[in-house]
Amino acid sequence: MYNLGHKYSQWLDGYFSFDDIMTHTPTTAKAVGRPTKRFSESSDVTKRRRIHTLLEKSAEELSFATLMTLLAQGLRTAAEMVKRVFECSENAQQLKKAITQRKKSPIKLTSDEALASFVQKKLTKNQYVAIHTETKTHNADIFPTHAELLFAKKRCFSRNCIAVVA
């Protein structure tokens, strides 16, 4: 067996120059490995891992960054809401209350239902119009117009309808 140092001593004592070797240049190709999921599709654990560096930031910095991102995406209303929530905790409480206590929108009566109510309550035209107008001023336009009521009445008489009054 030859001694490595004795056999290759000339080669090992020589000077090496790596100038002609190409240096590694980054490619524009996508990274290798599993493709990353969108944030919204990720699990809670993955989301926590991805935002770990953000946890070191203050709430003020995060809210401002959120505000700027929303404005950049053209979501002005959402940006205004974020701004108002972080300006005052009272605004946040009002917003939470508004979201949790959604009001049911009124359901408009059909002309037949309104006609039945009109007959049952023995209303005059003026009384019906007054009720219709008053509910409209309270943003609860639930009664059809008197003209629609008359049309329903004509339709009912042409079919020989019988109104059942309970």
N, C-alpha and C. Protein backbone atom coordinates (compact mmCIF):
# COMPACT_ATOMS: atom_id res chain seq x y z
N MET A 1 0.84 -1.17 0.00
CA MET A 1 0.00 0.00 0.00
C MET A 1 0.88 1.23 0.00
N TYR A 2 0.45 2.12 -0.83
CA TYR A 2 1.19 3.36 -0.94
C TYR A 2 0.64 4.39 0.03
N ASN A 3 1.50 5.17 0.51
CA ASN A 3 1.09 6.26 1.38
C ASN A 3 0.50 7.37 0.51
N LEU A 4 -0.70 7.84 0.90
CA LEU A 4 -1.42 8.85 0.12
C LEU A 4 -0.57 10.10 -0.05
N GLY A 5 0.02 10.58 1.00
CA GLY A 5 0.84 11.79 0.95
C GLY A 5 2.05 11.61 0.05
N HIS A 6 2.68 10.42 0.02
CA HIS A 6 3.86 10.17 -0.79
C HIS A 6 3.47 10.06 -2.26
N LYS A 7 2.37 9.37 -2.54
CA LYS A 7 1.96 9.13 -3.92
C LYS A 7 1.49 10.42 -4.60
N TYR A 8 0.75 11.27 -3.86
CA TYR A 8 0.18 12.47 -4.46
C TYR A 8 0.79 13.75 -3.90
N SER A 9 1.99 13.72 -3.42
CA SER A 9 2.61 14.88 -2.78
C SER A 9 2.76 16.05 -3.74
N GLN A 10 3.15 15.80 -4.95
CA GLN A 10 3.31 16.87 -5.92
C GLN A 10 1.97 17.57 -6.19
N TRP A 11 0.97 16.80 -6.35
CA TRP A 11 -0.37 17.33 -6.65
C TRP A 11 -0.94 18.06 -5.44
N LEU A 12 -0.73 17.54 -4.25
CA LEU A 12 -1.25 18.16 -3.04
C LEU A 12 -0.52 19.45 -2.69
N ASP A 13 0.73 19.57 -3.04
CA ASP A 13 1.51 20.78 -2.74
C ASP A 13 1.26 21.90 -3.75
N GLY A 14 0.57 21.62 -4.81
CA GLY A 14 0.33 22.60 -5.87
C GLY A 14 -0.69 23.65 -5.47
N TYR A 15 -0.77 24.69 -6.31
CA TYR A 15 -1.69 25.80 -6.09
C TYR A 15 -2.90 25.61 -6.99
N PHE A 16 -4.09 25.81 -6.40
CA PHE A 16 -5.33 25.62 -7.16
C PHE A 16 -5.98 26.97 -7.42
N SER A 17 -6.49 27.14 -8.62
CA SER A 17 -7.21 28.35 -8.98
C SER A 17 -8.59 27.95 -9.51
N PHE A 18 -9.63 28.53 -8.89
CA PHE A 18 -11.00 28.20 -9.27
C PHE A 18 -11.68 29.35 -10.02
N ASP A 19 -10.91 30.23 -10.61
CA ASP A 19 -11.48 31.39 -11.30
C ASP A 19 -12.31 31.00 -12.51
N ASP A 20 -11.93 29.96 -13.18
CA ASP A 20 -12.63 29.60 -14.41
C ASP A 20 -13.92 28.80 -14.16
N ILE A 21 -14.15 28.39 -12.92
CA ILE A 21 -15.36 27.64 -12.60
C ILE A 21 -16.52 28.61 -12.46
N MET A 22 -17.66 28.26 -13.05
CA MET A 22 -18.83 29.14 -12.99
C MET A 22 -19.38 29.18 -11.57
N THR A 23 -19.75 30.36 -11.17
CA THR A 23 -20.40 30.48 -9.87
C THR A 23 -21.87 30.15 -10.04
N HIS A 24 -22.49 29.71 -8.97
CA HIS A 24 -23.91 29.34 -9.00
C HIS A 24 -24.76 30.60 -9.10
N THR A 25 -25.59 30.66 -10.11
CA THR A 25 -26.50 31.79 -10.25
C THR A 25 -27.91 31.31 -9.93
N PRO A 26 -28.65 32.10 -9.21
CA PRO A 26 -30.01 31.68 -8.87
C PRO A 26 -30.87 31.60 -10.13
N THR A 27 -31.72 30.60 -10.17
CA THR A 27 -32.59 30.41 -11.33
C THR A 27 -33.93 31.11 -11.10
N THR A 28 -34.61 31.34 -12.18
CA THR A 28 -35.94 31.94 -12.07
C THR A 28 -37.01 30.87 -11.96
N ALA A 29 -36.61 29.63 -11.98
CA ALA A 29 -37.58 28.54 -11.87
C ALA A 29 -38.13 28.49 -10.45
N LYS A 30 -39.29 27.89 -10.33
CA LYS A 30 -39.92 27.78 -9.02
C LYS A 30 -39.09 26.88 -8.11
N ALA A 31 -39.29 27.07 -6.83
CA ALA A 31 -38.57 26.27 -5.84
C ALA A 31 -38.97 24.81 -5.97
N VAL A 32 -38.06 23.97 -5.63
CA VAL A 32 -38.35 22.54 -5.68
C VAL A 32 -39.11 22.13 -4.44
N GLY A 33 -39.74 21.00 -4.52
CA GLY A 33 -40.48 20.50 -3.37
C GLY A 33 -41.97 20.72 -3.52
N ARG A 34 -42.65 20.52 -2.42
CA ARG A 34 -44.10 20.64 -2.41
C ARG A 34 -44.51 22.11 -2.60
N PRO A 35 -45.47 22.38 -3.47
CA PRO A 35 -45.92 23.76 -3.64
C PRO A 35 -46.65 24.26 -2.40
N THR A 36 -46.50 25.55 -2.13
CA THR A 36 -47.14 26.11 -0.94
C THR A 36 -48.61 26.37 -1.21
N LYS A 37 -49.43 26.13 -0.20
CA LYS A 37 -50.86 26.39 -0.30
C LYS A 37 -51.12 27.86 -0.04
N ARG A 38 -52.27 28.32 -0.51
CA ARG A 38 -52.68 29.67 -0.16
C ARG A 38 -52.97 29.70 1.34
N PHE A 39 -52.84 30.88 1.92
CA PHE A 39 -53.02 31.02 3.37
C PHE A 39 -54.40 30.57 3.80
N SER A 40 -55.42 30.93 3.03
CA SER A 40 -56.80 30.59 3.40
C SER A 40 -57.05 29.09 3.36
N GLU A 41 -56.28 28.35 2.58
CA GLU A 41 -56.45 26.90 2.47
C GLU A 41 -55.64 26.14 3.51
N SER A 42 -54.75 26.82 4.20
CA SER A 42 -53.86 26.16 5.16
C SER A 42 -54.58 25.83 6.46
N SER A 43 -54.00 24.87 7.19
CA SER A 43 -54.55 24.50 8.50
C SER A 43 -54.16 25.56 9.53
N ASP A 44 -54.77 25.48 10.70
CA ASP A 44 -54.46 26.45 11.76
C ASP A 44 -53.00 26.36 12.18
N VAL A 45 -52.46 25.16 12.23
CA VAL A 45 -51.06 24.98 12.64
C VAL A 45 -50.14 25.66 11.62
N THR A 46 -50.40 25.47 10.35
CA THR A 46 -49.59 26.08 9.30
C THR A 46 -49.72 27.60 9.34
N LYS A 47 -50.93 28.08 9.56
CA LYS A 47 -51.13 29.53 9.65
C LYS A 47 -50.34 30.12 10.81
N ARG A 48 -50.36 29.43 11.96
CA ARG A 48 -49.59 29.92 13.12
C ARG A 48 -48.10 29.95 12.82
N ARG A 49 -47.61 28.93 12.13
CA ARG A 49 -46.20 28.87 11.78
C ARG A 49 -45.82 30.00 10.83
N ARG A 50 -46.69 30.28 9.87
CA ARG A 50 -46.40 31.31 8.87
C ARG A 50 -46.46 32.72 9.44
N ILE A 51 -47.26 32.95 10.47
CA ILE A 51 -47.37 34.30 11.04
C ILE A 51 -46.51 34.47 12.29
N HIS A 52 -45.69 33.50 12.59
CA HIS A 52 -44.90 33.54 13.83
C HIS A 52 -44.09 34.83 13.94
N THR A 53 -43.51 35.30 12.86
CA THR A 53 -42.70 36.53 12.91
C THR A 53 -43.58 37.76 13.14
N LEU A 54 -44.84 37.70 12.72
CA LEU A 54 -45.74 38.84 12.92
C LEU A 54 -46.13 39.01 14.38
N LEU A 55 -46.05 37.95 15.15
CA LEU A 55 -46.44 38.02 16.56
C LEU A 55 -45.54 38.95 17.37
N GLU A 56 -44.36 39.23 16.84
CA GLU A 56 -43.42 40.12 17.53
C GLU A 56 -43.78 41.59 17.31
N LYS A 57 -44.66 41.87 16.36
CA LYS A 57 -45.05 43.25 16.05
C LYS A 57 -46.16 43.71 16.98
N SER A 58 -46.28 45.02 17.13
CA SER A 58 -47.33 45.58 17.99
C SER A 58 -48.66 45.60 17.24
N ALA A 59 -49.74 45.73 17.98
CA ALA A 59 -51.07 45.78 17.37
C ALA A 59 -51.20 47.01 16.48
N GLU A 60 -50.56 48.09 16.87
CA GLU A 60 -50.60 49.32 16.08
C GLU A 60 -49.93 49.13 14.72
N GLU A 61 -48.76 48.46 14.73
CA GLU A 61 -48.06 48.20 13.48
C GLU A 61 -48.87 47.27 12.58
N LEU A 62 -49.45 46.24 13.18
CA LEU A 62 -50.24 45.29 12.40
C LEU A 62 -51.49 45.94 11.82
N SER A 63 -52.15 46.79 12.61
CA SER A 63 -53.35 47.44 12.10
C SER A 63 -53.01 48.39 10.96
N PHE A 64 -51.89 49.10 11.07
CA PHE A 64 -51.48 50.00 10.00
C PHE A 64 -51.12 49.22 8.74
N ALA A 65 -50.41 48.10 8.92
CA ALA A 65 -50.06 47.25 7.77
C ALA A 65 -51.32 46.70 7.11
N THR A 66 -52.29 46.30 7.93
CA THR A 66 -53.56 45.80 7.40
C THR A 66 -54.28 46.90 6.63
N LEU A 67 -54.29 48.08 7.19
CA LEU A 67 -54.92 49.23 6.54
C LEU A 67 -54.29 49.51 5.18
N MET A 68 -52.97 49.52 5.11
CA MET A 68 -52.27 49.79 3.86
C MET A 68 -52.52 48.68 2.83
N THR A 69 -52.56 47.43 3.29
CA THR A 69 -52.81 46.31 2.39
C THR A 69 -54.22 46.39 1.80
N LEU A 70 -55.19 46.70 2.64
CA LEU A 70 -56.57 46.81 2.15
C LEU A 70 -56.70 47.96 1.16
N LEU A 71 -56.06 49.08 1.44
CA LEU A 71 -56.11 50.21 0.50
C LEU A 71 -55.43 49.85 -0.82
N ALA A 72 -54.32 49.12 -0.76
CA ALA A 72 -53.62 48.71 -1.97
C ALA A 72 -54.47 47.77 -2.82
N GLN A 73 -55.32 46.99 -2.17
CA GLN A 73 -56.19 46.06 -2.88
C GLN A 73 -57.49 46.72 -3.31
N GLY A 74 -57.67 48.00 -2.99
CA GLY A 74 -58.87 48.73 -3.39
C GLY A 74 -60.07 48.52 -2.49
N LEU A 75 -59.85 47.99 -1.30
CA LEU A 75 -60.95 47.72 -0.37
C LEU A 75 -61.05 48.87 0.63
N ARG A 76 -61.53 50.00 0.16
CA ARG A 76 -61.59 51.21 0.98
C ARG A 76 -62.53 51.08 2.17
N THR A 77 -63.68 50.45 1.98
CA THR A 77 -64.64 50.32 3.07
C THR A 77 -64.06 49.47 4.19
N ALA A 78 -63.43 48.35 3.83
CA ALA A 78 -62.82 47.48 4.83
C ALA A 78 -61.68 48.22 5.54
N ALA A 79 -60.90 49.00 4.79
CA ALA A 79 -59.81 49.77 5.40
C ALA A 79 -60.35 50.79 6.39
N GLU A 80 -61.45 51.43 6.04
CA GLU A 80 -62.07 52.41 6.94
C GLU A 80 -62.56 51.73 8.22
N MET A 81 -63.11 50.53 8.09
CA MET A 81 -63.59 49.78 9.26
C MET A 81 -62.41 49.42 10.18
N VAL A 82 -61.31 48.96 9.60
CA VAL A 82 -60.12 48.61 10.40
C VAL A 82 -59.61 49.85 11.12
N LYS A 83 -59.58 50.96 10.41
CA LYS A 83 -59.10 52.22 11.01
C LYS A 83 -59.97 52.62 12.20
N ARG A 84 -61.29 52.55 12.02
CA ARG A 84 -62.21 52.93 13.09
C ARG A 84 -62.12 52.00 14.29
N VAL A 85 -61.96 50.72 14.04
CA VAL A 85 -61.88 49.75 15.14
C VAL A 85 -60.65 50.01 15.99
N PHE A 86 -59.52 50.30 15.36
CA PHE A 86 -58.29 50.51 16.13
C PHE A 86 -58.16 51.92 16.69
N GLU A 87 -58.97 52.85 16.22
CA GLU A 87 -58.93 54.20 16.80
C GLU A 87 -59.52 54.22 18.20
N CYS A 88 -60.59 53.46 18.41
CA CYS A 88 -61.30 53.53 19.68
C CYS A 88 -61.94 52.18 19.97
N SER A 89 -61.78 51.70 21.20
CA SER A 89 -62.37 50.41 21.55
C SER A 89 -63.89 50.48 21.56
N GLU A 90 -64.43 51.68 21.75
CA GLU A 90 -65.88 51.86 21.72
C GLU A 90 -66.43 51.53 20.33
N ASN A 91 -65.68 51.95 19.30
CA ASN A 91 -66.07 51.63 17.92
C ASN A 91 -66.09 50.12 17.70
N ALA A 92 -65.11 49.44 18.26
CA ALA A 92 -65.04 47.99 18.11
C ALA A 92 -66.24 47.32 18.76
N GLN A 93 -66.64 47.82 19.92
CA GLN A 93 -67.81 47.25 20.60
C GLN A 93 -69.08 47.50 19.81
N GLN A 94 -69.21 48.68 19.23
CA GLN A 94 -70.39 49.00 18.42
C GLN A 94 -70.44 48.12 17.18
N LEU A 95 -69.29 47.90 16.56
CA LEU A 95 -69.23 47.06 15.37
C LEU A 95 -69.59 45.62 15.71
N LYS A 96 -69.08 45.13 16.82
CA LYS A 96 -69.40 43.77 17.25
C LYS A 96 -70.89 43.62 17.51
N LYS A 97 -71.47 44.62 18.16
CA LYS A 97 -72.90 44.58 18.45
C LYS A 97 -73.72 44.59 17.16
N ALA A 98 -73.30 45.40 16.21
CA ALA A 98 -74.02 45.49 14.93
C ALA A 98 -73.95 44.18 14.16
N ILE A 99 -72.82 43.50 14.25
CA ILE A 99 -72.65 42.24 13.53
C ILE A 99 -73.45 41.13 14.18
N THR A 100 -73.41 41.06 15.51
CA THR A 100 -74.07 39.96 16.20
C THR A 100 -75.58 40.12 16.26
N GLN A 101 -76.07 41.34 16.22
CA GLN A 101 -77.51 41.56 16.31
C GLN A 101 -78.08 42.00 14.97
N ARG A 102 -78.00 41.11 14.01
CA ARG A 102 -78.54 41.41 12.69
C ARG A 102 -80.06 41.43 12.77
N LYS A 103 -80.63 42.46 12.21
CA LYS A 103 -82.07 42.60 12.21
C LYS A 103 -82.64 41.87 11.00
N LYS A 104 -83.81 41.28 11.22
CA LYS A 104 -84.49 40.64 10.12
C LYS A 104 -85.17 41.73 9.29
N SER A 105 -85.03 41.63 7.99
CA SER A 105 -85.68 42.60 7.13
C SER A 105 -87.16 42.25 7.01
N PRO A 106 -88.00 43.26 6.93
CA PRO A 106 -89.45 43.00 6.85
C PRO A 106 -89.81 42.30 5.54
N ILE A 107 -90.81 41.45 5.62
CA ILE A 107 -91.28 40.71 4.45
C ILE A 107 -92.55 41.39 3.94
N LYS A 108 -92.52 41.74 2.68
CA LYS A 108 -93.65 42.45 2.08
C LYS A 108 -94.83 41.50 1.90
N LEU A 109 -96.02 41.99 2.22
CA LEU A 109 -97.24 41.21 2.04
C LEU A 109 -97.58 41.14 0.56
N THR A 110 -98.13 40.01 0.15
CA THR A 110 -98.63 39.93 -1.21
C THR A 110 -99.91 40.74 -1.30
N SER A 111 -100.31 41.05 -2.50
CA SER A 111 -101.54 41.85 -2.66
C SER A 111 -102.75 41.10 -2.13
N ASP A 112 -102.76 39.77 -2.24
CA ASP A 112 -103.88 38.98 -1.71
C ASP A 112 -103.90 39.01 -0.18
N GLU A 113 -102.73 38.91 0.44
CA GLU A 113 -102.65 38.97 1.91
C GLU A 113 -103.09 40.34 2.42
N ALA A 114 -102.65 41.39 1.72
CA ALA A 114 -103.02 42.75 2.11
C ALA A 114 -104.52 42.96 1.95
N LEU A 115 -105.10 42.40 0.88
CA LEU A 115 -106.55 42.52 0.66
C LEU A 115 -107.32 41.83 1.78
N ALA A 116 -106.87 40.64 2.17
CA ALA A 116 -107.52 39.92 3.27
C ALA A 116 -107.45 40.72 4.56
N SER A 117 -106.30 41.33 4.83
CA SER A 117 -106.14 42.15 6.02
C SER A 117 -107.03 43.39 5.95
N PHE A 118 -107.10 44.00 4.77
CA PHE A 118 -107.93 45.19 4.54
C PHE A 118 -109.40 44.89 4.83
N VAL A 119 -109.88 43.74 4.34
CA VAL A 119 -111.28 43.35 4.53
C VAL A 119 -111.54 42.99 5.99
N GLN A 120 -110.61 42.23 6.58
CA GLN A 120 -110.78 41.77 7.96
C GLN A 120 -110.85 42.94 8.93
N LYS A 121 -110.02 43.93 8.71
CA LYS A 121 -109.97 45.07 9.63
C LYS A 121 -110.97 46.16 9.27
N LYS A 122 -111.69 45.96 8.17
CA LYS A 122 -112.71 46.92 7.71
C LYS A 122 -112.13 48.33 7.58
N LEU A 123 -110.99 48.41 6.87
CA LEU A 123 -110.32 49.69 6.70
C LEU A 123 -110.92 50.47 5.54
N THR A 124 -110.84 51.79 5.65
CA THR A 124 -111.21 52.64 4.53
C THR A 124 -109.97 52.84 3.67
N LYS A 125 -110.17 53.41 2.48
CA LYS A 125 -109.04 53.68 1.60
C LYS A 125 -108.05 54.61 2.29
N ASN A 126 -108.54 55.68 2.91
CA ASN A 126 -107.66 56.64 3.58
C ASN A 126 -106.88 56.00 4.72
N GLN A 127 -107.53 55.13 5.49
CA GLN A 127 -106.83 54.45 6.59
C GLN A 127 -105.73 53.55 6.04
N TYR A 128 -106.03 52.81 4.97
CA TYR A 128 -105.03 51.91 4.38
C TYR A 128 -103.85 52.69 3.83
N VAL A 129 -104.13 53.77 3.11
CA VAL A 129 -103.06 54.60 2.54
C VAL A 129 -102.22 55.21 3.66
N ALA A 130 -102.86 55.62 4.76
CA ALA A 130 -102.12 56.20 5.90
C ALA A 130 -101.19 55.15 6.51
N ILE A 131 -101.69 53.93 6.69
CA ILE A 131 -100.86 52.85 7.25
C ILE A 131 -99.71 52.54 6.30
N HIS A 132 -100.00 52.47 5.00
CA HIS A 132 -98.97 52.19 3.99
C HIS A 132 -97.88 53.25 4.01
N THR A 133 -98.29 54.52 4.07
CA THR A 133 -97.33 55.63 4.09
C THR A 133 -96.49 55.63 5.36
N GLU A 134 -97.13 55.37 6.49
CA GLU A 134 -96.41 55.38 7.77
C GLU A 134 -95.37 54.27 7.84
N THR A 135 -95.72 53.09 7.36
CA THR A 135 -94.74 52.00 7.39
C THR A 135 -93.58 52.28 6.45
N LYS A 136 -93.85 52.96 5.33
CA LYS A 136 -92.77 53.31 4.40
C LYS A 136 -91.80 54.30 5.03
N THR A 137 -92.33 55.25 5.83
CA THR A 137 -91.45 56.23 6.47
C THR A 137 -90.56 55.59 7.53
N HIS A 138 -90.95 54.42 8.02
CA HIS A 138 -90.14 53.69 8.99
C HIS A 138 -89.30 52.59 8.33
N ASN A 139 -89.06 52.74 7.03
CA ASN A 139 -88.25 51.79 6.25
C ASN A 139 -88.78 50.36 6.35
N ALA A 140 -90.09 50.22 6.41
CA ALA A 140 -90.72 48.90 6.45
C ALA A 140 -91.84 48.88 5.42
N ASP A 141 -91.46 48.92 4.17
CA ASP A 141 -92.44 48.95 3.08
C ASP A 141 -93.03 47.56 2.90
N ILE A 142 -93.98 47.20 3.75
CA ILE A 142 -94.52 45.84 3.73
C ILE A 142 -95.89 45.74 3.08
N PHE A 143 -96.55 46.87 2.86
CA PHE A 143 -97.88 46.84 2.25
C PHE A 143 -97.79 47.24 0.78
N PRO A 144 -98.51 46.53 -0.08
CA PRO A 144 -98.57 46.96 -1.49
C PRO A 144 -99.39 48.25 -1.60
N THR A 145 -99.27 48.91 -2.72
CA THR A 145 -100.01 50.16 -2.92
C THR A 145 -101.51 49.87 -3.00
N HIS A 146 -102.29 50.94 -2.85
CA HIS A 146 -103.75 50.78 -2.92
C HIS A 146 -104.18 50.33 -4.31
N ALA A 147 -103.46 50.78 -5.34
CA ALA A 147 -103.76 50.36 -6.71
C ALA A 147 -103.57 48.84 -6.86
N GLU A 148 -102.50 48.31 -6.26
CA GLU A 148 -102.27 46.85 -6.30
C GLU A 148 -103.36 46.12 -5.53
N LEU A 149 -103.84 46.73 -4.47
CA LEU A 149 -104.92 46.15 -3.68
C LEU A 149 -106.21 46.07 -4.51
N LEU A 150 -106.51 47.13 -5.26
CA LEU A 150 -107.70 47.14 -6.12
C LEU A 150 -107.58 46.10 -7.23
N PHE A 151 -106.38 45.95 -7.77
CA PHE A 151 -106.16 44.95 -8.81
C PHE A 151 -106.39 43.54 -8.25
N ALA A 152 -105.92 43.29 -7.03
CA ALA A 152 -106.14 41.99 -6.38
C ALA A 152 -107.62 41.77 -6.13
N LYS A 153 -108.34 42.83 -5.80
CA LYS A 153 -109.79 42.73 -5.56
C LYS A 153 -110.51 42.35 -6.86
N LYS A 154 -110.15 43.00 -7.97
CA LYS A 154 -110.76 42.67 -9.26
C LYS A 154 -110.44 41.23 -9.66
N ARG A 155 -109.21 40.84 -9.43
CA ARG A 155 -108.78 39.46 -9.75
C ARG A 155 -109.57 38.46 -8.91
N CYS A 156 -109.81 38.80 -7.67
CA CYS A 156 -110.54 37.92 -6.76
C CYS A 156 -112.00 37.79 -7.20
N PHE A 157 -112.62 38.92 -7.58
CA PHE A 157 -114.02 38.87 -8.01
C PHE A 157 -114.17 38.12 -9.33
N SER A 158 -113.16 38.21 -10.19
CA SER A 158 -113.25 37.50 -11.47
C SER A 158 -113.12 35.99 -11.27
N ARG A 159 -112.50 35.56 -10.18
CA ARG A 159 -112.35 34.12 -9.88
C ARG A 159 -113.38 33.65 -8.87
N ASN A 160 -114.27 34.54 -8.44
CA ASN A 160 -115.27 34.22 -7.42
C ASN A 160 -114.62 33.70 -6.14
N CYS A 161 -113.62 34.43 -5.67
CA CYS A 161 -112.92 34.05 -4.44
C CYS A 161 -113.81 34.29 -3.23
N ILE A 162 -113.58 33.50 -2.24
CA ILE A 162 -114.27 33.69 -0.96
C ILE A 162 -113.19 33.97 0.07
N ALA A 163 -113.25 35.13 0.69
CA ALA A 163 -112.27 35.48 1.71
C ALA A 163 -112.68 34.86 3.02
N VAL A 164 -111.76 34.11 3.60
CA VAL A 164 -112.02 33.49 4.90
C VAL A 164 -111.46 34.40 5.96
N VAL A 165 -112.33 34.90 6.81
CA VAL A 165 -111.91 35.80 7.88
C VAL A 165 -111.93 35.01 9.17
N ALA A 166 -110.78 34.94 9.82
CA ALA A 166 -110.70 34.17 11.06
C ALA A 166 -111.05 35.01 12.25
